[in-house]
C-alpha atoms as a PDB file:
ATOM      1  CA  UNK A   1       0.000   0.000   0.000  1.00  0.00           C
ATOM      2  CA  UNK A   2       1.368   3.422  -0.962  1.00  0.00           C
ATOM      3  CA  UNK A   3       0.343   6.584   0.866  1.00  0.00           C
ATOM      4  CA  UNK A   4       0.342   9.805  -1.077  1.00  0.00           C
ATOM      5  CA  UNK A   5      -0.138  13.324   0.196  1.00  0.00           C
ATOM      6  CA  UNK A   6      -2.704  15.570  -1.357  1.00  0.00           C
ATOM      7  CA  UNK A   7      -2.341  19.313  -1.486  1.00  0.00           C
ATOM      8  CA  UNK A   8      -5.444  21.257  -0.601  1.00  0.00           C
ATOM      9  CA  UNK A   9      -6.218  24.855   0.231  1.00  0.00           C
ATOM     10  CA  UNK A  10      -9.724  24.084   1.448  1.00  0.00           C
ATOM     11  CA  UNK A  11     -10.450  24.451   5.142  1.00  0.00           C
ATOM     12  CA  UNK A  12     -11.793  21.251   6.562  1.00  0.00           C
ATOM     13  CA  UNK A  13     -13.120  20.517   9.995  1.00  0.00           C
ATOM     14  CA  UNK A  14     -15.742  21.790  12.371  1.00  0.00           C
ATOM     15  CA  UNK A  15     -15.681  25.561  12.860  1.00  0.00           C
ATOM     16  CA  UNK A  16     -16.237  25.345  16.608  1.00  0.00           C
ATOM     17  CA  UNK A  17     -13.082  23.233  17.002  1.00  0.00           C
ATOM     18  CA  UNK A  18     -10.842  24.959  14.413  1.00  0.00           C
ATOM     19  CA  UNK A  19      -7.774  26.939  15.486  1.00  0.00           C
ATOM     20  CA  UNK A  20      -7.407  30.615  14.510  1.00  0.00           C
ATOM     21  CA  UNK A  21      -4.555  29.869  12.110  1.00  0.00           C
ATOM     22  CA  UNK A  22      -6.724  27.313  10.312  1.00  0.00           C
ATOM     23  CA  UNK A  23      -9.593  29.723   9.670  1.00  0.00           C
ATOM     24  CA  UNK A  24      -7.359  32.773   8.983  1.00  0.00           C
ATOM     25  CA  UNK A  25      -7.274  34.149   5.457  1.00  0.00           C
ATOM     26  CA  UNK A  26      -9.021  31.139   3.954  1.00  0.00           C
ATOM     27  CA  UNK A  27      -5.853  29.019   4.040  1.00  0.00           C
ATOM     28  CA  UNK A  28      -5.342  25.858   6.047  1.00  0.00           C
ATOM     29  CA  UNK A  29      -2.256  25.919   8.294  1.00  0.00           C
ATOM     30  CA  UNK A  30      -2.480  22.544   9.962  1.00  0.00           C
ATOM     31  CA  UNK A  31       0.135  21.847  12.612  1.00  0.00           C
ATOM     32  CA  UNK A  32       0.612  20.286  15.993  1.00  0.00           C
ATOM     33  CA  UNK A  33      -0.432  23.621  17.515  1.00  0.00           C
ATOM     34  CA  UNK A  34      -3.727  23.640  15.606  1.00  0.00           C
ATOM     35  CA  UNK A  35      -4.309  20.039  16.679  1.00  0.00           C
ATOM     36  CA  UNK A  36      -3.746  21.049  20.307  1.00  0.00           C
ATOM     37  CA  UNK A  37      -6.239  23.919  19.959  1.00  0.00           C
ATOM     38  CA  UNK A  38      -8.829  21.492  18.572  1.00  0.00           C
ATOM     39  CA  UNK A  39      -8.054  19.063  21.379  1.00  0.00           C
ATOM     40  CA  UNK A  40      -8.573  21.918  23.855  1.00  0.00           C
ATOM     41  CA  UNK A  41     -11.992  22.589  22.344  1.00  0.00           C
ATOM     42  CA  UNK A  42     -12.782  18.882  22.710  1.00  0.00           C
ATOM     43  CA  UNK A  43     -11.815  19.079  26.400  1.00  0.00           C
ATOM     44  CA  UNK A  44     -14.031  22.192  26.691  1.00  0.00           C
ATOM     45  CA  UNK A  45     -16.896  20.153  25.211  1.00  0.00           C
ATOM     46  CA  UNK A  46     -16.330  17.373  27.756  1.00  0.00           C
ATOM     47  CA  UNK A  47     -16.069  19.697  30.776  1.00  0.00           C
ATOM     48  CA  UNK A  48     -18.888  22.039  29.813  1.00  0.00           C
ATOM     49  CA  UNK A  49     -21.098  19.300  28.364  1.00  0.00           C
ATOM     50  CA  UNK A  50     -21.729  21.787  25.559  1.00  0.00           C
ATOM     51  CA  UNK A  51     -20.376  22.270  22.051  1.00  0.00           C
ATOM     52  CA  UNK A  52     -18.062  25.312  21.846  1.00  0.00           C
ATOM     53  CA  UNK A  53     -20.020  28.257  20.372  1.00  0.00           C
ATOM     54  CA  UNK A  54     -23.201  26.157  20.423  1.00  0.00           C
ATOM     55  CA  UNK A  55     -26.000  27.587  18.298  1.00  0.00           C
ATOM     56  CA  UNK A  56     -23.864  30.217  16.560  1.00  0.00           C
ATOM     57  CA  UNK A  57     -23.430  30.510  12.794  1.00  0.00           C
ATOM     58  CA  UNK A  58     -20.222  29.481  11.036  1.00  0.00           C
ATOM     59  CA  UNK A  59     -19.512  33.104  10.078  1.00  0.00           C
ATOM     60  CA  UNK A  60     -19.898  34.208  13.717  1.00  0.00           C
ATOM     61  CA  UNK A  61     -17.575  31.460  14.964  1.00  0.00           C
ATOM     62  CA  UNK A  62     -14.896  32.186  12.351  1.00  0.00           C
ATOM     63  CA  UNK A  63     -14.994  35.929  13.113  1.00  0.00           C
ATOM     64  CA  UNK A  64     -14.749  35.339  16.888  1.00  0.00           C
ATOM     65  CA  UNK A  65     -11.915  32.796  16.592  1.00  0.00           C
ATOM     66  CA  UNK A  66      -9.951  35.037  14.209  1.00  0.00           C
ATOM     67  CA  UNK A  67     -10.253  37.882  16.747  1.00  0.00           C
ATOM     68  CA  UNK A  68      -8.892  35.697  19.567  1.00  0.00           C
ATOM     69  CA  UNK A  69     -12.178  35.128  21.393  1.00  0.00           C
ATOM     70  CA  UNK A  70     -12.784  31.920  23.299  1.00  0.00           C
ATOM     71  CA  UNK A  71     -16.135  30.336  24.120  1.00  0.00           C
ATOM     72  CA  UNK A  72     -17.497  31.201  27.572  1.00  0.00           C
ATOM     73  CA  UNK A  73     -16.404  28.877  30.347  1.00  0.00           C
ATOM     74  CA  UNK A  74     -19.114  28.119  32.836  1.00  0.00           C
ATOM     75  CA  UNK A  75     -18.082  24.901  34.537  1.00  0.00           C
ATOM     76  CA  UNK A  76     -20.892  22.514  35.267  1.00  0.00           C
ATOM     77  CA  UNK A  77     -21.332  21.451  38.826  1.00  0.00           C
ATOM     78  CA  UNK A  78     -19.825  18.023  39.208  1.00  0.00           C
ATOM     79  CA  UNK A  79     -19.435  15.891  42.278  1.00  0.00           C
ATOM     80  CA  UNK A  80     -17.354  12.752  41.838  1.00  0.00           C
ATOM     81  CA  UNK A  81     -18.627   9.691  43.595  1.00  0.00           C
ATOM     82  CA  UNK A  82     -16.293   8.430  46.275  1.00  0.00           C
END
């Protein structure tokens, strides 16, 4: 089996989880840093029990992320069982 790389300028992924550098200027800059940002948004989703930027339009999310905004953090009340 041979793996080949494809070149693409299209942005792929879910807006709510995409790093600022991925949505900036319509070019995809995928890196370890952008993966970590997306992972952070996944952790946000787990902790908050809510999708980042839930209910907002793609244009709104892209504009907020490009301007450095982060989704609101309102930790859910959680009591671990002992």
